[in-house]
Amino acid sequence: MNGPDEVVDCLGQRCPLPVIAAARRLPQLPVGGVLRVLADDPAAAIDIPAWCRMRGQELVDTSTVDGSPAYDIRRAH
Protein backbone atom coordinates (compact mmCIF):
# COMPACT_ATOMS: atom_id res chain seq x y z
CA MET A 1 0.00 0.00 0.00
CA ASN A 2 1.19 3.48 -0.81
CA GLY A 3 1.11 6.25 1.76
CA PRO A 4 -2.02 8.17 2.61
CA ASP A 5 -3.45 10.80 0.26
CA GLU A 6 -3.81 13.32 3.10
CA VAL A 7 -2.58 13.63 6.68
CA VAL A 8 -4.42 15.42 9.48
CA ASP A 9 -2.22 16.19 12.48
CA CYS A 10 -4.30 16.07 15.67
CA LEU A 11 -1.40 15.43 18.04
CA GLY A 12 -2.07 17.03 21.41
CA GLN A 13 -5.81 17.33 20.73
CA ARG A 14 -8.34 15.61 22.97
CA CYS A 15 -11.17 13.53 21.60
CA PRO A 16 -13.55 14.19 19.98
CA LEU A 17 -11.42 16.73 18.07
CA PRO A 18 -9.52 14.11 15.99
CA VAL A 19 -12.82 12.49 14.98
CA ILE A 20 -14.28 15.89 14.05
CA ALA A 21 -11.18 16.65 11.97
CA ALA A 22 -11.54 13.31 10.14
CA ALA A 23 -15.25 13.90 9.56
CA ARG A 24 -14.51 17.30 7.99
CA ARG A 25 -11.55 16.22 5.85
CA LEU A 26 -12.59 12.79 4.57
CA PRO A 27 -15.44 14.04 2.31
CA GLN A 28 -12.91 16.23 0.48
CA LEU A 29 -11.00 13.14 -0.66
CA PRO A 30 -12.16 11.06 -3.62
CA VAL A 31 -13.87 7.75 -2.88
CA GLY A 32 -11.02 5.28 -2.27
CA GLY A 33 -8.74 8.00 -0.94
CA VAL A 34 -6.92 7.41 2.35
CA LEU A 35 -6.79 9.92 5.18
CA ARG A 36 -4.20 9.45 7.92
CA VAL A 37 -5.15 10.90 11.29
CA LEU A 38 -2.29 11.42 13.75
CA ALA A 39 -3.82 11.38 17.23
CA ASP A 40 -2.11 10.67 20.54
CA ASP A 41 -5.16 10.92 22.80
CA PRO A 42 -5.67 7.33 24.04
CA ALA A 43 -9.43 7.71 23.47
CA ALA A 44 -8.76 8.01 19.72
CA ALA A 45 -7.93 4.28 19.66
CA ILE A 46 -11.58 3.65 20.51
CA ASP A 47 -13.29 6.69 18.98
CA ILE A 48 -11.78 6.60 15.48
CA PRO A 49 -12.60 2.90 14.78
CA ALA A 50 -16.09 3.43 16.25
CA TRP A 51 -16.65 6.47 14.02
CA CYS A 52 -15.53 4.45 10.97
CA ARG A 53 -18.01 1.68 11.78
CA MET A 54 -20.82 4.16 12.43
CA ARG A 55 -20.19 6.07 9.18
CA GLY A 56 -19.42 3.05 6.99
CA GLN A 57 -15.84 4.12 6.32
CA GLU A 58 -12.92 1.67 6.27
CA LEU A 59 -10.18 1.77 8.91
CA VAL A 60 -7.42 0.21 6.82
CA ASP A 61 -4.49 0.48 9.22
CA THR A 62 -3.44 1.54 12.68
CA SER A 63 0.27 2.16 12.99
CA THR A 64 2.90 4.27 14.69
CA VAL A 65 4.48 7.13 12.75
CA ASP A 66 7.45 8.89 14.36
CA GLY A 67 6.36 7.51 17.73
CA SER A 68 2.74 8.68 17.45
CA PRO A 69 -0.40 6.65 16.74
CA ALA A 70 -1.68 6.95 13.16
CA TYR A 71 -5.07 5.83 11.84
CA ASP A 72 -5.55 5.33 8.09
CA ILE A 73 -9.17 5.70 6.94
CA ARG A 74 -10.25 4.88 3.38
CA ARG A 75 -13.23 6.81 2.08
CA ALA A 76 -15.76 4.12 1.19
CA HIS A 77 -18.55 6.33 -0.21
PDB file of N, CA and C in Angstrom:
ATOM      1  N   MET A   1       0.837  -1.191   0.000  1.00  0.00           N
ATOM      2  CA  MET A   1       0.000   0.000   0.000  1.00  0.00           C
ATOM      3  C   MET A   1       0.872   1.241   0.000  1.00  0.00           C
ATOM      4  N   ASN A   2       0.497   2.203  -0.801  1.00  0.00           N
ATOM      5  CA  ASN A   2       1.190   3.477  -0.808  1.00  0.00           C
ATOM      6  C   ASN A   2       0.807   4.264   0.436  1.00  0.00           C
ATOM      7  N   GLY A   3       1.438   5.400   0.618  1.00  0.00           N
ATOM      8  CA  GLY A   3       1.115   6.253   1.756  1.00  0.00           C
ATOM      9  C   GLY A   3      -0.265   6.860   1.604  1.00  0.00           C
ATOM     10  N   PRO A   4      -0.693   7.551   2.641  1.00  0.00           N
ATOM     11  CA  PRO A   4      -2.017   8.172   2.607  1.00  0.00           C
ATOM     12  C   PRO A   4      -2.059   9.330   1.610  1.00  0.00           C
ATOM     13  N   ASP A   5      -3.264   9.662   1.162  1.00  0.00           N
ATOM     14  CA  ASP A   5      -3.450  10.804   0.262  1.00  0.00           C
ATOM     15  C   ASP A   5      -3.370  12.125   1.019  1.00  0.00           C
ATOM     16  N   GLU A   6      -3.805  12.110   2.262  1.00  0.00           N
ATOM     17  CA  GLU A   6      -3.806  13.318   3.097  1.00  0.00           C
ATOM     18  C   GLU A   6      -3.454  12.914   4.521  1.00  0.00           C
ATOM     19  N   VAL A   7      -2.887  13.843   5.270  1.00  0.00           N
ATOM     20  CA  VAL A   7      -2.582  13.625   6.682  1.00  0.00           C
ATOM     21  C   VAL A   7      -3.174  14.769   7.489  1.00  0.00           C
ATOM     22  N   VAL A   8      -3.893  14.428   8.551  1.00  0.00           N
ATOM     23  CA  VAL A   8      -4.425  15.422   9.477  1.00  0.00           C
ATOM     24  C   VAL A   8      -3.685  15.236  10.806  1.00  0.00           C
ATOM     25  N   ASP A   9      -3.000  16.267  11.250  1.00  0.00           N
ATOM     26  CA  ASP A   9      -2.218  16.194  12.484  1.00  0.00           C
ATOM     27  C   ASP A   9      -3.074  16.685  13.648  1.00  0.00           C
ATOM     28  N   CYS A  10      -3.491  15.753  14.489  1.00  0.00           N
ATOM     29  CA  CYS A  10      -4.300  16.072  15.668  1.00  0.00           C
ATOM     30  C   CYS A  10      -3.534  15.770  16.952  1.00  0.00           C
ATOM     31  N   LEU A  11      -2.217  15.726  16.854  1.00  0.00           N
ATOM     32  CA  LEU A  11      -1.403  15.434  18.036  1.00  0.00           C
ATOM     33  C   LEU A  11      -1.627  16.520  19.082  1.00  0.00           C
ATOM     34  N   GLY A  12      -1.834  16.092  20.318  1.00  0.00           N
ATOM     35  CA  GLY A  12      -2.073  17.028  21.405  1.00  0.00           C
ATOM     36  C   GLY A  12      -3.527  17.432  21.563  1.00  0.00           C
ATOM     37  N   GLN A  13      -4.385  16.997  20.640  1.00  0.00           N
ATOM     38  CA  GLN A  13      -5.813  17.330  20.729  1.00  0.00           C
ATOM     39  C   GLN A  13      -6.564  16.214  21.435  1.00  0.00           C
ATOM     40  N   ARG A  14      -7.513  16.586  22.255  1.00  0.00           N
ATOM     41  CA  ARG A  14      -8.336  15.609  22.973  1.00  0.00           C
ATOM     42  C   ARG A  14      -9.534  15.220  22.117  1.00  0.00           C
ATOM     43  N   CYS A  15      -9.948  13.958  22.263  1.00  0.00           N
ATOM     44  CA  CYS A  15     -11.172  13.533  21.596  1.00  0.00           C
ATOM     45  C   CYS A  15     -12.328  14.355  22.160  1.00  0.00           C
ATOM     46  N   PRO A  16     -13.298  14.717  21.333  1.00  0.00           N
ATOM     47  CA  PRO A  16     -13.548  14.193  19.982  1.00  0.00           C
ATOM     48  C   PRO A  16     -12.899  14.989  18.859  1.00  0.00           C
ATOM     49  N   LEU A  17     -11.966  15.898  19.139  1.00  0.00           N
ATOM     50  CA  LEU A  17     -11.417  16.735  18.070  1.00  0.00           C
ATOM     51  C   LEU A  17     -10.800  15.948  16.907  1.00  0.00           C
ATOM     52  N   PRO A  18     -10.035  14.862  17.143  1.00  0.00           N
ATOM     53  CA  PRO A  18      -9.518  14.107  15.991  1.00  0.00           C
ATOM     54  C   PRO A  18     -10.628  13.510  15.124  1.00  0.00           C
ATOM     55  N   VAL A  19     -11.706  13.051  15.742  1.00  0.00           N
ATOM     56  CA  VAL A  19     -12.824  12.493  14.975  1.00  0.00           C
ATOM     57  C   VAL A  19     -13.504  13.595  14.162  1.00  0.00           C
ATOM     58  N   ILE A  20     -13.675  14.756  14.766  1.00  0.00           N
ATOM     59  CA  ILE A  20     -14.283  15.890  14.050  1.00  0.00           C
ATOM     60  C   ILE A  20     -13.409  16.283  12.857  1.00  0.00           C
ATOM     61  N   ALA A  21     -12.098  16.311  13.057  1.00  0.00           N
ATOM     62  CA  ALA A  21     -11.183  16.648  11.966  1.00  0.00           C
ATOM     63  C   ALA A  21     -11.302  15.632  10.824  1.00  0.00           C
ATOM     64  N   ALA A  22     -11.375  14.353  11.171  1.00  0.00           N
ATOM     65  CA  ALA A  22     -11.535  13.312  10.145  1.00  0.00           C
ATOM     66  C   ALA A  22     -12.860  13.476   9.411  1.00  0.00           C
ATOM     67  N   ALA A  23     -13.922  13.758  10.159  1.00  0.00           N
ATOM     68  CA  ALA A  23     -15.251  13.901   9.556  1.00  0.00           C
ATOM     69  C   ALA A  23     -15.297  15.081   8.598  1.00  0.00           C
ATOM     70  N   ARG A  24     -14.532  16.113   8.877  1.00  0.00           N
ATOM     71  CA  ARG A  24     -14.506  17.295   7.995  1.00  0.00           C
ATOM     72  C   ARG A  24     -13.645  17.063   6.761  1.00  0.00           C
ATOM     73  N   ARG A  25     -12.537  16.360   6.940  1.00  0.00           N
ATOM     74  CA  ARG A  25     -11.555  16.222   5.850  1.00  0.00           C
ATOM     75  C   ARG A  25     -11.877  15.086   4.889  1.00  0.00           C
ATOM     76  N   LEU A  26     -12.391  13.971   5.410  1.00  0.00           N
ATOM     77  CA  LEU A  26     -12.591  12.785   4.569  1.00  0.00           C
ATOM     78  C   LEU A  26     -13.483  13.051   3.352  1.00  0.00           C
ATOM     79  N   PRO A  27     -14.591  13.799   3.480  1.00  0.00           N
ATOM     80  CA  PRO A  27     -15.438  14.037   2.305  1.00  0.00           C
ATOM     81  C   PRO A  27     -14.744  14.822   1.193  1.00  0.00           C
ATOM     82  N   GLN A  28     -13.641  15.474   1.489  1.00  0.00           N
ATOM     83  CA  GLN A  28     -12.911  16.234   0.478  1.00  0.00           C
ATOM     84  C   GLN A  28     -11.991  15.342  -0.349  1.00  0.00           C
ATOM     85  N   LEU A  29     -11.796  14.099   0.099  1.00  0.00           N
ATOM     86  CA  LEU A  29     -11.000  13.138  -0.659  1.00  0.00           C
ATOM     87  C   LEU A  29     -11.901  12.383  -1.630  1.00  0.00           C
ATOM     88  N   PRO A  30     -11.349  11.900  -2.734  1.00  0.00           N
ATOM     89  CA  PRO A  30     -12.156  11.065  -3.624  1.00  0.00           C
ATOM     90  C   PRO A  30     -12.473   9.733  -2.943  1.00  0.00           C
ATOM     91  N   VAL A  31     -13.551   9.083  -3.375  1.00  0.00           N
ATOM     92  CA  VAL A  31     -13.867   7.750  -2.878  1.00  0.00           C
ATOM     93  C   VAL A  31     -12.652   6.856  -3.155  1.00  0.00           C
ATOM     94  N   GLY A  32     -12.228   6.108  -2.153  1.00  0.00           N
ATOM     95  CA  GLY A  32     -11.024   5.276  -2.266  1.00  0.00           C
ATOM     96  C   GLY A  32      -9.786   5.958  -1.723  1.00  0.00           C
ATOM     97  N   GLY A  33      -9.862   7.263  -1.497  1.00  0.00           N
ATOM     98  CA  GLY A  33      -8.737   7.999  -0.936  1.00  0.00           C
ATOM     99  C   GLY A  33      -8.518   7.620   0.521  1.00  0.00           C
ATOM    100  N   VAL A  34      -7.274   7.775   0.983  1.00  0.00           N
ATOM    101  CA  VAL A  34      -6.924   7.408   2.354  1.00  0.00           C
ATOM    102  C   VAL A  34      -6.484   8.647   3.129  1.00  0.00           C
ATOM    103  N   LEU A  35      -7.115   8.841   4.266  1.00  0.00           N
ATOM    104  CA  LEU A  35      -6.790   9.923   5.179  1.00  0.00           C
ATOM    105  C   LEU A  35      -6.074   9.338   6.385  1.00  0.00           C
ATOM    106  N   ARG A  36      -4.915   9.876   6.712  1.00  0.00           N
ATOM    107  CA  ARG A  36      -4.199   9.455   7.922  1.00  0.00           C
ATOM    108  C   ARG A  36      -4.457  10.498   9.001  1.00  0.00           C
ATOM    109  N   VAL A  37      -4.932  10.032  10.148  1.00  0.00           N
ATOM    110  CA  VAL A  37      -5.150  10.899  11.294  1.00  0.00           C
ATOM    111  C   VAL A  37      -4.085  10.571  12.329  1.00  0.00           C
ATOM    112  N   LEU A  38      -3.274  11.568  12.668  1.00  0.00           N
ATOM    113  CA  LEU A  38      -2.291  11.417  13.748  1.00  0.00           C
ATOM    114  C   LEU A  38      -2.962  11.906  15.021  1.00  0.00           C
ATOM    115  N   ALA A  39      -3.101  11.027  16.006  1.00  0.00           N
ATOM    116  CA  ALA A  39      -3.818  11.377  17.231  1.00  0.00           C
ATOM    117  C   ALA A  39      -3.241  10.599  18.402  1.00  0.00           C
ATOM    118  N   ASP A  40      -2.735  11.333  19.403  1.00  0.00           N
ATOM    119  CA  ASP A  40      -2.107  10.672  20.543  1.00  0.00           C
ATOM    120  C   ASP A  40      -2.998  10.623  21.785  1.00  0.00           C
ATOM    121  N   ASP A  41      -4.229  11.094  21.688  1.00  0.00           N
ATOM    122  CA  ASP A  41      -5.164  10.918  22.798  1.00  0.00           C
ATOM    123  C   ASP A  41      -5.535   9.433  22.844  1.00  0.00           C
ATOM    124  N   PRO A  42      -5.348   8.759  23.978  1.00  0.00           N
ATOM    125  CA  PRO A  42      -5.674   7.325  24.044  1.00  0.00           C
ATOM    126  C   PRO A  42      -7.118   7.014  23.638  1.00  0.00           C
ATOM    127  N   ALA A  43      -8.029   7.945  23.844  1.00  0.00           N
ATOM    128  CA  ALA A  43      -9.426   7.713  23.470  1.00  0.00           C
ATOM    129  C   ALA A  43      -9.594   7.576  21.962  1.00  0.00           C
ATOM    130  N   ALA A  44      -8.671   8.114  21.185  1.00  0.00           N
ATOM    131  CA  ALA A  44      -8.765   8.015  19.724  1.00  0.00           C
ATOM    132  C   ALA A  44      -8.719   6.563  19.265  1.00  0.00           C
ATOM    133  N   ALA A  45      -8.022   5.702  20.020  1.00  0.00           N
ATOM    134  CA  ALA A  45      -7.926   4.283  19.657  1.00  0.00           C
ATOM    135  C   ALA A  45      -9.291   3.607  19.692  1.00  0.00           C
ATOM    136  N   ILE A  46     -10.208   4.163  20.444  1.00  0.00           N
ATOM    137  CA  ILE A  46     -11.583   3.648  20.510  1.00  0.00           C
ATOM    138  C   ILE A  46     -12.496   4.470  19.598  1.00  0.00           C
ATOM    139  N   ASP A  47     -12.351   5.787  19.676  1.00  0.00           N
ATOM    140  CA  ASP A  47     -13.285   6.686  18.984  1.00  0.00           C
ATOM    141  C   ASP A  47     -13.166   6.631  17.466  1.00  0.00           C
ATOM    142  N   ILE A  48     -11.940   6.580  16.934  1.00  0.00           N
ATOM    143  CA  ILE A  48     -11.781   6.595  15.479  1.00  0.00           C
ATOM    144  C   ILE A  48     -12.327   5.309  14.848  1.00  0.00           C
ATOM    145  N   PRO A  49     -11.979   4.103  15.354  1.00  0.00           N
ATOM    146  CA  PRO A  49     -12.600   2.899  14.781  1.00  0.00           C
ATOM    147  C   PRO A  49     -14.125   2.888  14.923  1.00  0.00           C
ATOM    148  N   ALA A  50     -14.633   3.387  16.053  1.00  0.00           N
ATOM    149  CA  ALA A  50     -16.094   3.428  16.247  1.00  0.00           C
ATOM    150  C   ALA A  50     -16.745   4.369  15.245  1.00  0.00           C
ATOM    151  N   TRP A  51     -16.122   5.516  14.998  1.00  0.00           N
ATOM    152  CA  TRP A  51     -16.652   6.466  14.019  1.00  0.00           C
ATOM    153  C   TRP A  51     -16.663   5.838  12.622  1.00  0.00           C
ATOM    154  N   CYS A  52     -15.586   5.116  12.278  1.00  0.00           N
ATOM    155  CA  CYS A  52     -15.529   4.449  10.967  1.00  0.00           C
ATOM    156  C   CYS A  52     -16.672   3.452  10.804  1.00  0.00           C
ATOM    157  N   ARG A  53     -16.919   2.655  11.837  1.00  0.00           N
ATOM    158  CA  ARG A  53     -18.014   1.675  11.775  1.00  0.00           C
ATOM    159  C   ARG A  53     -19.359   2.381  11.638  1.00  0.00           C
ATOM    160  N   MET A  54     -19.542   3.430  12.415  1.00  0.00           N
ATOM    161  CA  MET A  54     -20.816   4.156  12.426  1.00  0.00           C
ATOM    162  C   MET A  54     -21.085   4.821  11.075  1.00  0.00           C
ATOM    163  N   ARG A  55     -20.043   5.326  10.435  1.00  0.00           N
ATOM    164  CA  ARG A  55     -20.186   6.067   9.176  1.00  0.00           C
ATOM    165  C   ARG A  55     -19.971   5.203   7.943  1.00  0.00           C
ATOM    166  N   GLY A  56     -19.639   3.930   8.136  1.00  0.00           N
ATOM    167  CA  GLY A  56     -19.424   3.047   6.990  1.00  0.00           C
ATOM    168  C   GLY A  56     -18.139   3.338   6.238  1.00  0.00           C
ATOM    169  N   GLN A  57     -17.145   3.889   6.940  1.00  0.00           N
ATOM    170  CA  GLN A  57     -15.838   4.122   6.322  1.00  0.00           C
ATOM    171  C   GLN A  57     -14.892   3.009   6.761  1.00  0.00           C
ATOM    172  N   GLU A  58     -13.801   2.816   6.023  1.00  0.00           N
ATOM    173  CA  GLU A  58     -12.920   1.673   6.265  1.00  0.00           C
ATOM    174  C   GLU A  58     -11.651   2.106   6.998  1.00  0.00           C
ATOM    175  N   LEU A  59     -11.443   1.576   8.199  1.00  0.00           N
ATOM    176  CA  LEU A  59     -10.180   1.770   8.911  1.00  0.00           C
ATOM    177  C   LEU A  59      -9.216   0.733   8.346  1.00  0.00           C
ATOM    178  N   VAL A  60      -8.275   1.169   7.516  1.00  0.00           N
ATOM    179  CA  VAL A  60      -7.418   0.214   6.817  1.00  0.00           C
ATOM    180  C   VAL A  60      -6.154  -0.126   7.591  1.00  0.00           C
ATOM    181  N   ASP A  61      -5.731   0.770   8.496  1.00  0.00           N
ATOM    182  CA  ASP A  61      -4.494   0.482   9.215  1.00  0.00           C
ATOM    183  C   ASP A  61      -4.401   1.363  10.456  1.00  0.00           C
ATOM    184  N   THR A  62      -3.827   0.799  11.487  1.00  0.00           N
ATOM    185  CA  THR A  62      -3.438   1.544  12.678  1.00  0.00           C
ATOM    186  C   THR A  62      -1.959   1.284  12.863  1.00  0.00           C
ATOM    187  N   SER A  63      -1.179   2.337  12.927  1.00  0.00           N
ATOM    188  CA  SER A  63       0.268   2.156  12.991  1.00  0.00           C
ATOM    189  C   SER A  63       0.867   3.225  13.900  1.00  0.00           C
ATOM    190  N   THR A  64       2.176   3.246  13.957  1.00  0.00           N
ATOM    191  CA  THR A  64       2.899   4.272  14.692  1.00  0.00           C
ATOM    192  C   THR A  64       3.807   4.991  13.708  1.00  0.00           C
ATOM    193  N   VAL A  65       3.672   6.308  13.658  1.00  0.00           N
ATOM    194  CA  VAL A  65       4.478   7.127  12.752  1.00  0.00           C
ATOM    195  C   VAL A  65       5.267   8.112  13.612  1.00  0.00           C
ATOM    196  N   ASP A  66       6.583   8.025  13.546  1.00  0.00           N
ATOM    197  CA  ASP A  66       7.451   8.891  14.356  1.00  0.00           C
ATOM    198  C   ASP A  66       7.055   8.862  15.829  1.00  0.00           C
ATOM    199  N   GLY A  67       6.685   7.679  16.320  1.00  0.00           N
ATOM    200  CA  GLY A  67       6.363   7.511  17.728  1.00  0.00           C
ATOM    201  C   GLY A  67       4.943   7.877  18.122  1.00  0.00           C
ATOM    202  N   SER A  68       4.126   8.277  17.152  1.00  0.00           N
ATOM    203  CA  SER A  68       2.744   8.677  17.448  1.00  0.00           C
ATOM    204  C   SER A  68       1.752   7.764  16.738  1.00  0.00           C
ATOM    205  N   PRO A  69       0.612   7.485  17.382  1.00  0.00           N
ATOM    206  CA  PRO A  69      -0.403   6.653  16.739  1.00  0.00           C
ATOM    207  C   PRO A  69      -0.944   7.309  15.468  1.00  0.00           C
ATOM    208  N   ALA A  70      -1.153   6.485  14.444  1.00  0.00           N
ATOM    209  CA  ALA A  70      -1.681   6.946  13.163  1.00  0.00           C
ATOM    210  C   ALA A  70      -2.806   6.004  12.742  1.00  0.00           C
ATOM    211  N   TYR A  71      -3.892   6.588  12.258  1.00  0.00           N
ATOM    212  CA  TYR A  71      -5.075   5.834  11.840  1.00  0.00           C
ATOM    213  C   TYR A  71      -5.342   6.154  10.377  1.00  0.00           C
ATOM    214  N   ASP A  72      -5.306   5.130   9.515  1.00  0.00           N
ATOM    215  CA  ASP A  72      -5.550   5.330   8.093  1.00  0.00           C
ATOM    216  C   ASP A  72      -6.991   4.939   7.775  1.00  0.00           C
ATOM    217  N   ILE A  73      -7.740   5.887   7.246  1.00  0.00           N
ATOM    218  CA  ILE A  73      -9.169   5.704   6.935  1.00  0.00           C
ATOM    219  C   ILE A  73      -9.359   5.841   5.443  1.00  0.00           C
ATOM    220  N   ARG A  74      -9.946   4.802   4.817  1.00  0.00           N
ATOM    221  CA  ARG A  74     -10.251   4.875   3.384  1.00  0.00           C
ATOM    222  C   ARG A  74     -11.693   5.332   3.209  1.00  0.00           C
ATOM    223  N   ARG A  75     -11.873   6.336   2.361  1.00  0.00           N
ATOM    224  CA  ARG A  75     -13.229   6.807   2.079  1.00  0.00           C
ATOM    225  C   ARG A  75     -13.960   5.750   1.260  1.00  0.00           C
ATOM    226  N   ALA A  76     -15.036   5.215   1.830  1.00  0.00           N
ATOM    227  CA  ALA A  76     -15.758   4.116   1.193  1.00  0.00           C
ATOM    228  C   ALA A  76     -16.898   4.612   0.305  1.00  0.00           C
ATOM    229  N   HIS A  77     -17.417   5.805   0.562  1.00  0.00           N
ATOM    230  CA  HIS A  77     -18.550   6.330  -0.206  1.00  0.00           C
ATOM    231  C   HIS A  77     -18.579   7.837  -0.134  1.00  0.00           C
TER     232      HIS A  77
END
